[in-house]
Amino acid sequence: DHPLVFPSCHYHRGHPVKIAPDLLPALLSYTGEHGLRGA
């Protein structure tokens, strides 16, 4: 029960990622660097 969730193994975050649907507009509008990680 959290809007953004990553599984992590030995401090390395992995997949799958949980993304609350209401975060999608912000992810879609991001134009900065470092791709999805930056978003």
PDB file of all heavy atoms in Angstrom:
ATOM      1  N   ASP A   1       0.837  -1.202   0.000  1.00  0.00           N
ATOM      2  CA  ASP A   1       0.000   0.000   0.000  1.00  0.00           C
ATOM      3  C   ASP A   1       0.877   1.260   0.000  1.00  0.00           C
ATOM      4  O   ASP A   1       1.067   1.917   1.026  1.00  0.00           O
ATOM      5  CB  ASP A   1      -0.917  -0.013   1.232  1.00  0.00           C
ATOM      6  CG  ASP A   1      -1.916   1.137   1.216  1.00  0.00           C
ATOM      7  OD1 ASP A   1      -2.149   1.692   0.120  1.00  0.00           O
ATOM      8  OD2 ASP A   1      -2.449   1.479   2.297  1.00  0.00           O
ATOM      9  N   HIS A   2       1.416   1.568  -1.171  1.00  0.00           N
ATOM     10  CA  HIS A   2       2.262   2.741  -1.340  1.00  0.00           C
ATOM     11  C   HIS A   2       2.273   3.091  -2.824  1.00  0.00           C
ATOM     12  O   HIS A   2       2.180   2.201  -3.668  1.00  0.00           O
ATOM     13  CB  HIS A   2       3.680   2.463  -0.836  1.00  0.00           C
ATOM     14  CG  HIS A   2       4.517   3.701  -0.676  1.00  0.00           C
ATOM     15  ND1 HIS A   2       4.329   4.594   0.350  1.00  0.00           N
ATOM     16  CD2 HIS A   2       5.545   4.191  -1.423  1.00  0.00           C
ATOM     17  CE1 HIS A   2       5.204   5.586   0.233  1.00  0.00           C
ATOM     18  NE2 HIS A   2       5.951   5.366  -0.826  1.00  0.00           N
ATOM     19  N   PRO A   3       2.396   4.369  -3.190  1.00  0.00           N
ATOM     20  CA  PRO A   3       2.293   4.742  -4.607  1.00  0.00           C
ATOM     21  C   PRO A   3       3.465   4.311  -5.486  1.00  0.00           C
ATOM     22  O   PRO A   3       3.286   4.156  -6.697  1.00  0.00           O
ATOM     23  CB  PRO A   3       2.198   6.276  -4.566  1.00  0.00           C
ATOM     24  CG  PRO A   3       1.827   6.615  -3.170  1.00  0.00           C
ATOM     25  CD  PRO A   3       2.396   5.551  -2.318  1.00  0.00           C
ATOM     26  N   LEU A   4       4.648   4.141  -4.914  1.00  0.00           N
ATOM     27  CA  LEU A   4       5.826   3.784  -5.713  1.00  0.00           C
ATOM     28  C   LEU A   4       6.645   2.766  -4.935  1.00  0.00           C
ATOM     29  O   LEU A   4       7.185   3.077  -3.861  1.00  0.00           O
ATOM     30  CB  LEU A   4       6.660   5.034  -6.011  1.00  0.00           C
ATOM     31  CG  LEU A   4       7.884   4.854  -6.923  1.00  0.00           C
ATOM     32  CD1 LEU A   4       7.458   4.373  -8.310  1.00  0.00           C
ATOM     33  CD2 LEU A   4       8.672   6.154  -7.025  1.00  0.00           C
ATOM     34  N   VAL A   5       6.727   1.555  -5.463  1.00  0.00           N
ATOM     35  CA  VAL A   5       7.345   0.454  -4.726  1.00  0.00           C
ATOM     36  C   VAL A   5       8.354  -0.262  -5.614  1.00  0.00           C
ATOM     37  O   VAL A   5       8.059  -0.606  -6.772  1.00  0.00           O
ATOM     38  CB  VAL A   5       6.274  -0.569  -4.244  1.00  0.00           C
ATOM     39  CG1 VAL A   5       6.928  -1.677  -3.418  1.00  0.00           C
ATOM     40  CG2 VAL A   5       5.182   0.132  -3.442  1.00  0.00           C
ATOM     41  N   PHE A   6       9.554  -0.484  -5.074  1.00  0.00           N
ATOM     42  CA  PHE A   6      10.591  -1.257  -5.752  1.00  0.00           C
ATOM     43  C   PHE A   6      10.987  -2.453  -4.887  1.00  0.00           C
ATOM     44  O   PHE A   6      11.188  -2.289  -3.675  1.00  0.00           O
ATOM     45  CB  PHE A   6      11.868  -0.424  -5.955  1.00  0.00           C
ATOM     46  CG  PHE A   6      11.742   0.748  -6.867  1.00  0.00           C
ATOM     47  CD1 PHE A   6      11.367   1.986  -6.377  1.00  0.00           C
ATOM     48  CD2 PHE A   6      12.036   0.637  -8.217  1.00  0.00           C
ATOM     49  CE1 PHE A   6      11.266   3.094  -7.206  1.00  0.00           C
ATOM     50  CE2 PHE A   6      11.949   1.730  -9.059  1.00  0.00           C
ATOM     51  CZ  PHE A   6      11.560   2.958  -8.561  1.00  0.00           C
ATOM     52  N   PRO A   7      11.163  -3.638  -5.475  1.00  0.00           N
ATOM     53  CA  PRO A   7      11.846  -4.696  -4.739  1.00  0.00           C
ATOM     54  C   PRO A   7      13.341  -4.403  -4.762  1.00  0.00           C
ATOM     55  O   PRO A   7      13.855  -3.797  -5.715  1.00  0.00           O
ATOM     56  CB  PRO A   7      11.512  -5.961  -5.538  1.00  0.00           C
ATOM     57  CG  PRO A   7      11.303  -5.476  -6.926  1.00  0.00           C
ATOM     58  CD  PRO A   7      10.745  -4.077  -6.816  1.00  0.00           C
ATOM     59  N   SER A   8      14.034  -4.796  -3.724  1.00  0.00           N
ATOM     60  CA  SER A   8      15.459  -4.480  -3.610  1.00  0.00           C
ATOM     61  C   SER A   8      16.217  -5.689  -3.078  1.00  0.00           C
ATOM     62  O   SER A   8      15.779  -6.350  -2.133  1.00  0.00           O
ATOM     63  CB  SER A   8      15.644  -3.291  -2.665  1.00  0.00           C
ATOM     64  OG  SER A   8      17.005  -3.025  -2.432  1.00  0.00           O
ATOM     65  N   CYS A   9      17.355  -5.981  -3.707  1.00  0.00           N
ATOM     66  CA  CYS A   9      18.212  -7.091  -3.285  1.00  0.00           C
ATOM     67  C   CYS A   9      19.620  -6.546  -3.082  1.00  0.00           C
ATOM     68  O   CYS A   9      20.252  -6.084  -4.041  1.00  0.00           O
ATOM     69  CB  CYS A   9      18.196  -8.198  -4.332  1.00  0.00           C
ATOM     70  SG  CYS A   9      19.168  -9.654  -3.892  1.00  0.00           S
ATOM     71  N   HIS A  10      20.077  -6.579  -1.836  1.00  0.00           N
ATOM     72  CA  HIS A  10      21.412  -6.067  -1.508  1.00  0.00           C
ATOM     73  C   HIS A  10      21.619  -4.645  -2.036  1.00  0.00           C
ATOM     74  O   HIS A  10      22.623  -4.337  -2.678  1.00  0.00           O
ATOM     75  CB  HIS A  10      22.494  -7.017  -2.026  1.00  0.00           C
ATOM     76  CG  HIS A  10      22.399  -8.401  -1.477  1.00  0.00           C
ATOM     77  ND1 HIS A  10      22.599  -8.692  -0.149  1.00  0.00           N
ATOM     78  CD2 HIS A  10      22.075  -9.581  -2.073  1.00  0.00           C
ATOM     79  CE1 HIS A  10      22.433  -9.997   0.051  1.00  0.00           C
ATOM     80  NE2 HIS A  10      22.106 -10.553  -1.093  1.00  0.00           N
ATOM     81  N   TYR A  11      20.641  -3.814  -1.776  1.00  0.00           N
ATOM     82  CA  TYR A  11      20.672  -2.380  -2.117  1.00  0.00           C
ATOM     83  C   TYR A  11      20.624  -2.102  -3.618  1.00  0.00           C
ATOM     84  O   TYR A  11      20.885  -0.988  -4.055  1.00  0.00           O
ATOM     85  CB  TYR A  11      21.906  -1.696  -1.494  1.00  0.00           C
ATOM     86  CG  TYR A  11      21.929  -1.813   0.015  1.00  0.00           C
ATOM     87  CD1 TYR A  11      22.746  -2.743   0.635  1.00  0.00           C
ATOM     88  CD2 TYR A  11      21.103  -1.005   0.803  1.00  0.00           C
ATOM     89  CE1 TYR A  11      22.757  -2.865   2.023  1.00  0.00           C
ATOM     90  CE2 TYR A  11      21.105  -1.129   2.188  1.00  0.00           C
ATOM     91  CZ  TYR A  11      21.939  -2.061   2.779  1.00  0.00           C
ATOM     92  OH  TYR A  11      21.935  -2.190   4.159  1.00  0.00           O
ATOM     93  N   HIS A  12      20.274  -3.105  -4.406  1.00  0.00           N
ATOM     94  CA  HIS A  12      20.061  -2.909  -5.846  1.00  0.00           C
ATOM     95  C   HIS A  12      18.567  -3.055  -6.119  1.00  0.00           C
ATOM     96  O   HIS A  12      17.985  -4.104  -5.842  1.00  0.00           O
ATOM     97  CB  HIS A  12      20.842  -3.935  -6.674  1.00  0.00           C
ATOM     98  CG  HIS A  12      22.322  -3.791  -6.562  1.00  0.00           C
ATOM     99  ND1 HIS A  12      23.027  -2.795  -7.190  1.00  0.00           N
ATOM    100  CD2 HIS A  12      23.237  -4.524  -5.873  1.00  0.00           C
ATOM    101  CE1 HIS A  12      24.308  -2.914  -6.923  1.00  0.00           C
ATOM    102  NE2 HIS A  12      24.467  -3.949  -6.105  1.00  0.00           N
ATOM    103  N   ARG A  13      17.957  -2.009  -6.658  1.00  0.00           N
ATOM    104  CA  ARG A  13      16.522  -2.106  -6.895  1.00  0.00           C
ATOM    105  C   ARG A  13      16.252  -2.844  -8.206  1.00  0.00           C
ATOM    106  O   ARG A  13      16.991  -2.721  -9.175  1.00  0.00           O
ATOM    107  CB  ARG A  13      15.874  -0.723  -6.897  1.00  0.00           C
ATOM    108  CG  ARG A  13      16.226   0.198  -8.020  1.00  0.00           C
ATOM    109  CD  ARG A  13      15.629   1.574  -7.736  1.00  0.00           C
ATOM    110  NE  ARG A  13      15.660   2.428  -8.910  1.00  0.00           N
ATOM    111  CZ  ARG A  13      15.280   3.702  -8.895  1.00  0.00           C
ATOM    112  NH1 ARG A  13      14.850   4.246  -7.772  1.00  0.00           N
ATOM    113  NH2 ARG A  13      15.314   4.422  -9.997  1.00  0.00           N
ATOM    114  N   GLY A  14      15.187  -3.632  -8.176  1.00  0.00           N
ATOM    115  CA  GLY A  14      14.897  -4.486  -9.323  1.00  0.00           C
ATOM    116  C   GLY A  14      13.478  -4.311  -9.825  1.00  0.00           C
ATOM    117  O   GLY A  14      12.881  -3.241  -9.708  1.00  0.00           O
ATOM    118  N   HIS A  15      12.935  -5.382 -10.392  1.00  0.00           N
ATOM    119  CA  HIS A  15      11.596  -5.370 -10.978  1.00  0.00           C
ATOM    120  C   HIS A  15      10.768  -6.500 -10.383  1.00  0.00           C
ATOM    121  O   HIS A  15      11.322  -7.482  -9.914  1.00  0.00           O
ATOM    122  CB  HIS A  15      11.696  -5.561 -12.493  1.00  0.00           C
ATOM    123  CG  HIS A  15      12.204  -4.344 -13.213  1.00  0.00           C
ATOM    124  ND1 HIS A  15      13.542  -4.050 -13.292  1.00  0.00           N
ATOM    125  CD2 HIS A  15      11.557  -3.354 -13.867  1.00  0.00           C
ATOM    126  CE1 HIS A  15      13.696  -2.923 -13.985  1.00  0.00           C
ATOM    127  NE2 HIS A  15      12.509  -2.485 -14.340  1.00  0.00           N
ATOM    128  N   PRO A  16       9.435  -6.314 -10.404  1.00  0.00           N
ATOM    129  CA  PRO A  16       8.651  -5.240 -11.022  1.00  0.00           C
ATOM    130  C   PRO A  16       8.545  -4.022 -10.114  1.00  0.00           C
ATOM    131  O   PRO A  16       8.752  -4.113  -8.909  1.00  0.00           O
ATOM    132  CB  PRO A  16       7.279  -5.891 -11.211  1.00  0.00           C
ATOM    133  CG  PRO A  16       7.161  -6.800 -10.011  1.00  0.00           C
ATOM    134  CD  PRO A  16       8.554  -7.350  -9.802  1.00  0.00           C
ATOM    135  N   VAL A  17       8.208  -2.901 -10.718  1.00  0.00           N
ATOM    136  CA  VAL A  17       7.977  -1.657  -9.989  1.00  0.00           C
ATOM    137  C   VAL A  17       6.472  -1.419  -9.925  1.00  0.00           C
ATOM    138  O   VAL A  17       5.782  -1.581 -10.927  1.00  0.00           O
ATOM    139  CB  VAL A  17       8.650  -0.462 -10.714  1.00  0.00           C
ATOM    140  CG1 VAL A  17       8.470   0.816  -9.899  1.00  0.00           C
ATOM    141  CG2 VAL A  17      10.117  -0.742 -10.979  1.00  0.00           C
ATOM    142  N   LYS A  18       5.987  -1.036  -8.755  1.00  0.00           N
ATOM    143  CA  LYS A  18       4.584  -0.647  -8.635  1.00  0.00           C
ATOM    144  C   LYS A  18       4.477   0.866  -8.759  1.00  0.00           C
ATOM    145  O   LYS A  18       5.208   1.606  -8.091  1.00  0.00           O
ATOM    146  CB  LYS A  18       3.989  -1.095  -7.302  1.00  0.00           C
ATOM    147  CG  LYS A  18       2.512  -0.722  -7.174  1.00  0.00           C
ATOM    148  CD  LYS A  18       1.935  -1.145  -5.834  1.00  0.00           C
ATOM    149  CE  LYS A  18       0.458  -0.760  -5.743  1.00  0.00           C
ATOM    150  NZ  LYS A  18      -0.134  -1.132  -4.444  1.00  0.00           N
ATOM    151  N   ILE A  19       3.572   1.313  -9.630  1.00  0.00           N
ATOM    152  CA  ILE A  19       3.379   2.731  -9.886  1.00  0.00           C
ATOM    153  C   ILE A  19       1.894   3.050  -9.732  1.00  0.00           C
ATOM    154  O   ILE A  19       1.058   2.466 -10.436  1.00  0.00           O
ATOM    155  CB  ILE A  19       3.821   3.104 -11.320  1.00  0.00           C
ATOM    156  CG1 ILE A  19       5.269   2.666 -11.574  1.00  0.00           C
ATOM    157  CG2 ILE A  19       3.643   4.583 -11.584  1.00  0.00           C
ATOM    158  CD1 ILE A  19       5.640   2.664 -13.050  1.00  0.00           C
ATOM    159  N   ALA A  20       1.562   3.944  -8.827  1.00  0.00           N
ATOM    160  CA  ALA A  20       0.161   4.354  -8.708  1.00  0.00           C
ATOM    161  C   ALA A  20      -0.282   5.014 -10.011  1.00  0.00           C
ATOM    162  O   ALA A  20       0.456   5.832 -10.570  1.00  0.00           O
ATOM    163  CB  ALA A  20      -0.011   5.330  -7.548  1.00  0.00           C
ATOM    164  N   PRO A  21      -1.449   4.651 -10.535  1.00  0.00           N
ATOM    165  CA  PRO A  21      -1.896   5.237 -11.813  1.00  0.00           C
ATOM    166  C   PRO A  21      -1.906   6.760 -11.827  1.00  0.00           C
ATOM    167  O   PRO A  21      -1.665   7.371 -12.868  1.00  0.00           O
ATOM    168  CB  PRO A  21      -3.307   4.654 -11.986  1.00  0.00           C
ATOM    169  CG  PRO A  21      -3.265   3.357 -11.247  1.00  0.00           C
ATOM    170  CD  PRO A  21      -2.383   3.614 -10.062  1.00  0.00           C
ATOM    171  N   ASP A  22      -2.146   7.392 -10.668  1.00  0.00           N
ATOM    172  CA  ASP A  22      -2.186   8.855 -10.677  1.00  0.00           C
ATOM    173  C   ASP A  22      -0.801   9.494 -10.781  1.00  0.00           C
ATOM    174  O   ASP A  22      -0.678  10.721 -10.886  1.00  0.00           O
ATOM    175  CB  ASP A  22      -2.961   9.405  -9.474  1.00  0.00           C
ATOM    176  CG  ASP A  22      -2.377   8.991  -8.136  1.00  0.00           C
ATOM    177  OD1 ASP A  22      -1.277   8.404  -8.118  1.00  0.00           O
ATOM    178  OD2 ASP A  22      -3.007   9.260  -7.101  1.00  0.00           O
ATOM    179  N   LEU A  23       0.261   8.666 -10.769  1.00  0.00           N
ATOM    180  CA  LEU A  23       1.615   9.178 -11.012  1.00  0.00           C
ATOM    181  C   LEU A  23       1.960   9.226 -12.505  1.00  0.00           C
ATOM    182  O   LEU A  23       2.967   9.825 -12.892  1.00  0.00           O
ATOM    183  CB  LEU A  23       2.663   8.317 -10.296  1.00  0.00           C
ATOM    184  CG  LEU A  23       2.627   8.297  -8.768  1.00  0.00           C
ATOM    185  CD1 LEU A  23       3.690   7.352  -8.234  1.00  0.00           C
ATOM    186  CD2 LEU A  23       2.824   9.696  -8.202  1.00  0.00           C
ATOM    187  N   LEU A  24       1.142   8.588 -13.329  1.00  0.00           N
ATOM    188  CA  LEU A  24       1.471   8.484 -14.755  1.00  0.00           C
ATOM    189  C   LEU A  24       1.575   9.835 -15.457  1.00  0.00           C
ATOM    190  O   LEU A  24       2.492  10.021 -16.273  1.00  0.00           O
ATOM    191  CB  LEU A  24       0.460   7.577 -15.466  1.00  0.00           C
ATOM    192  CG  LEU A  24       0.520   6.088 -15.081  1.00  0.00           C
ATOM    193  CD1 LEU A  24      -0.514   5.296 -15.874  1.00  0.00           C
ATOM    194  CD2 LEU A  24       1.915   5.509 -15.308  1.00  0.00           C
ATOM    195  N   PRO A  25       0.691  10.806 -15.203  1.00  0.00           N
ATOM    196  CA  PRO A  25       0.854  12.092 -15.889  1.00  0.00           C
ATOM    197  C   PRO A  25       2.220  12.735 -15.649  1.00  0.00           C
ATOM    198  O   PRO A  25       2.819  13.292 -16.578  1.00  0.00           O
ATOM    199  CB  PRO A  25      -0.280  12.940 -15.313  1.00  0.00           C
ATOM    200  CG  PRO A  25      -1.334  11.947 -14.937  1.00  0.00           C
ATOM    201  CD  PRO A  25      -0.579  10.762 -14.428  1.00  0.00           C
ATOM    202  N   ALA A  26       2.718  12.640 -14.418  1.00  0.00           N
ATOM    203  CA  ALA A  26       4.031  13.220 -14.116  1.00  0.00           C
ATOM    204  C   ALA A  26       5.142  12.462 -14.841  1.00  0.00           C
ATOM    205  O   ALA A  26       6.092  13.066 -15.360  1.00  0.00           O
ATOM    206  CB  ALA A  26       4.274  13.211 -12.606  1.00  0.00           C
ATOM    207  N   LEU A  27       5.041  11.141 -14.910  1.00  0.00           N
ATOM    208  CA  LEU A  27       6.055  10.346 -15.618  1.00  0.00           C
ATOM    209  C   LEU A  27       6.024  10.649 -17.114  1.00  0.00           C
ATOM    210  O   LEU A  27       7.066  10.726 -17.772  1.00  0.00           O
ATOM    211  CB  LEU A  27       5.820   8.858 -15.370  1.00  0.00           C
ATOM    212  CG  LEU A  27       6.083   8.359 -13.946  1.00  0.00           C
ATOM    213  CD1 LEU A  27       5.704   6.886 -13.829  1.00  0.00           C
ATOM    214  CD2 LEU A  27       7.542   8.551 -13.546  1.00  0.00           C
ATOM    215  N   LEU A  28       4.830  10.817 -17.656  1.00  0.00           N
ATOM    216  CA  LEU A  28       4.693  11.063 -19.092  1.00  0.00           C
ATOM    217  C   LEU A  28       5.165  12.457 -19.495  1.00  0.00           C
ATOM    218  O   LEU A  28       5.589  12.668 -20.635  1.00  0.00           O
ATOM    219  CB  LEU A  28       3.234  10.868 -19.512  1.00  0.00           C
ATOM    220  CG  LEU A  28       2.741   9.419 -19.540  1.00  0.00           C
ATOM    221  CD1 LEU A  28       1.222   9.365 -19.661  1.00  0.00           C
ATOM    222  CD2 LEU A  28       3.387   8.653 -20.680  1.00  0.00           C
ATOM    223  N   SER A  29       5.102  13.386 -18.575  1.00  0.00           N
ATOM    224  CA  SER A  29       5.487  14.762 -18.912  1.00  0.00           C
ATOM    225  C   SER A  29       6.960  15.052 -18.627  1.00  0.00           C
ATOM    226  O   SER A  29       7.457  16.129 -18.963  1.00  0.00           O
ATOM    227  CB  SER A  29       4.611  15.755 -18.133  1.00  0.00           C
ATOM    228  OG  SER A  29       4.820  15.627 -16.741  1.00  0.00           O
ATOM    229  N   TYR A  30       7.668  14.106 -18.029  1.00  0.00           N
ATOM    230  CA  TYR A  30       9.074  14.330 -17.680  1.00  0.00           C
ATOM    231  C   TYR A  30       9.934  14.455 -18.939  1.00  0.00           C
ATOM    232  O   TYR A  30       9.834  13.636 -19.851  1.00  0.00           O
ATOM    233  CB  TYR A  30       9.583  13.166 -16.818  1.00  0.00           C
ATOM    234  CG  TYR A  30      11.048  13.261 -16.454  1.00  0.00           C
ATOM    235  CD1 TYR A  30      11.479  14.169 -15.494  1.00  0.00           C
ATOM    236  CD2 TYR A  30      11.985  12.441 -17.071  1.00  0.00           C
ATOM    237  CE1 TYR A  30      12.822  14.257 -15.154  1.00  0.00           C
ATOM    238  CE2 TYR A  30      13.330  12.523 -16.731  1.00  0.00           C
ATOM    239  CZ  TYR A  30      13.739  13.436 -15.779  1.00  0.00           C
ATOM    240  OH  TYR A  30      15.070  13.521 -15.442  1.00  0.00           O
ATOM    241  N   THR A  31      10.783  15.468 -18.976  1.00  0.00           N
ATOM    242  CA  THR A  31      11.645  15.697 -20.143  1.00  0.00           C
ATOM    243  C   THR A  31      13.115  15.850 -19.757  1.00  0.00           C
ATOM    244  O   THR A  31      13.927  16.281 -20.559  1.00  0.00           O
ATOM    245  CB  THR A  31      11.207  16.956 -20.910  1.00  0.00           C
ATOM    246  OG1 THR A  31      11.228  18.082 -20.010  1.00  0.00           O
ATOM    247  CG2 THR A  31       9.806  16.798 -21.490  1.00  0.00           C
ATOM    248  N   GLY A  32      13.440  15.482 -18.527  1.00  0.00           N
ATOM    249  CA  GLY A  32      14.815  15.636 -18.050  1.00  0.00           C
ATOM    250  C   GLY A  32      15.730  14.509 -18.479  1.00  0.00           C
ATOM    251  O   GLY A  32      15.422  13.735 -19.393  1.00  0.00           O
ATOM    252  N   GLU A  33      16.843  14.395 -17.783  1.00  0.00           N
ATOM    253  CA  GLU A  33      17.873  13.411 -18.133  1.00  0.00           C
ATOM    254  C   GLU A  33      17.640  12.082 -17.417  1.00  0.00           C
ATOM    255  O   GLU A  33      16.800  11.957 -16.554  1.00  0.00           O
ATOM    256  CB  GLU A  33      19.250  13.966 -17.759  1.00  0.00           C
ATOM    257  CG  GLU A  33      19.646  15.229 -18.515  1.00  0.00           C
ATOM    258  CD  GLU A  33      21.014  15.730 -18.112  1.00  0.00           C
ATOM    259  OE1 GLU A  33      21.457  15.408 -16.998  1.00  0.00           O
ATOM    260  OE2 GLU A  33      21.649  16.430 -18.925  1.00  0.00           O
ATOM    261  N   HIS A  34      18.424  11.090 -17.842  1.00  0.00           N
ATOM    262  CA  HIS A  34      18.497   9.766 -17.210  1.00  0.00           C
ATOM    263  C   HIS A  34      17.224   8.939 -17.365  1.00  0.00           C
ATOM    264  O   HIS A  34      16.968   8.028 -16.576  1.00  0.00           O
ATOM    265  CB  HIS A  34      18.881   9.878 -15.737  1.00  0.00           C
ATOM    266  CG  HIS A  34      20.101  10.711 -15.487  1.00  0.00           C
ATOM    267  ND1 HIS A  34      21.331  10.406 -16.040  1.00  0.00           N
ATOM    268  CD2 HIS A  34      20.275  11.857 -14.785  1.00  0.00           C
ATOM    269  CE1 HIS A  34      22.208  11.328 -15.676  1.00  0.00           C
ATOM    270  NE2 HIS A  34      21.592  12.224 -14.928  1.00  0.00           N
ATOM    271  N   GLY A  35      16.426   9.255 -18.393  1.00  0.00           N
ATOM    272  CA  GLY A  35      15.318   8.388 -18.769  1.00  0.00           C
ATOM    273  C   GLY A  35      14.347   8.090 -17.646  1.00  0.00           C
ATOM    274  O   GLY A  35      13.977   8.974 -16.861  1.00  0.00           O
ATOM    275  N   LEU A  36      13.951   6.824 -17.580  1.00  0.00           N
ATOM    276  CA  LEU A  36      12.926   6.431 -16.615  1.00  0.00           C
ATOM    277  C   LEU A  36      13.425   6.600 -15.183  1.00  0.00           C
ATOM    278  O   LEU A  36      12.664   7.003 -14.294  1.00  0.00           O
ATOM    279  CB  LEU A  36      12.501   4.988 -16.875  1.00  0.00           C
ATOM    280  CG  LEU A  36      11.278   4.486 -16.105  1.00  0.00           C
ATOM    281  CD1 LEU A  36      10.066   5.373 -16.354  1.00  0.00           C
ATOM    282  CD2 LEU A  36      10.973   3.051 -16.481  1.00  0.00           C
ATOM    283  N   ARG A  37      14.691   6.312 -14.940  1.00  0.00           N
ATOM    284  CA  ARG A  37      15.237   6.486 -13.595  1.00  0.00           C
ATOM    285  C   ARG A  37      15.138   7.965 -13.167  1.00  0.00           C
ATOM    286  O   ARG A  37      14.777   8.274 -12.035  1.00  0.00           O
ATOM    287  CB  ARG A  37      16.692   6.011 -13.545  1.00  0.00           C
ATOM    288  CG  ARG A  37      17.324   6.105 -12.162  1.00  0.00           C
ATOM    289  CD  ARG A  37      18.726   5.527 -12.169  1.00  0.00           C
ATOM    290  NE  ARG A  37      18.697   4.082 -12.218  1.00  0.00           N
ATOM    291  CZ  ARG A  37      18.678   3.297 -11.144  1.00  0.00           C
ATOM    292  NH1 ARG A  37      18.657   3.833  -9.930  1.00  0.00           N
ATOM    293  NH2 ARG A  37      18.675   1.982 -11.260  1.00  0.00           N
ATOM    294  N   GLY A  38      15.456   8.849 -14.101  1.00  0.00           N
ATOM    295  CA  GLY A  38      15.310  10.276 -13.817  1.00  0.00           C
ATOM    296  C   GLY A  38      13.868  10.671 -13.579  1.00  0.00           C
ATOM    297  O   GLY A  38      13.570  11.510 -12.712  1.00  0.00           O
ATOM    298  N   ALA A  39      12.966  10.064 -14.350  1.00  0.00           N
ATOM    299  CA  ALA A  39      11.535  10.362 -14.179  1.00  0.00           C
ATOM    300  C   ALA A  39      11.050   9.928 -12.802  1.00  0.00           C
ATOM    301  O   ALA A  39      10.309  10.668 -12.130  1.00  0.00           O
ATOM    302  CB  ALA A  39      10.728   9.678 -15.277  1.00  0.00           C
TER     303      ALA A  39
END
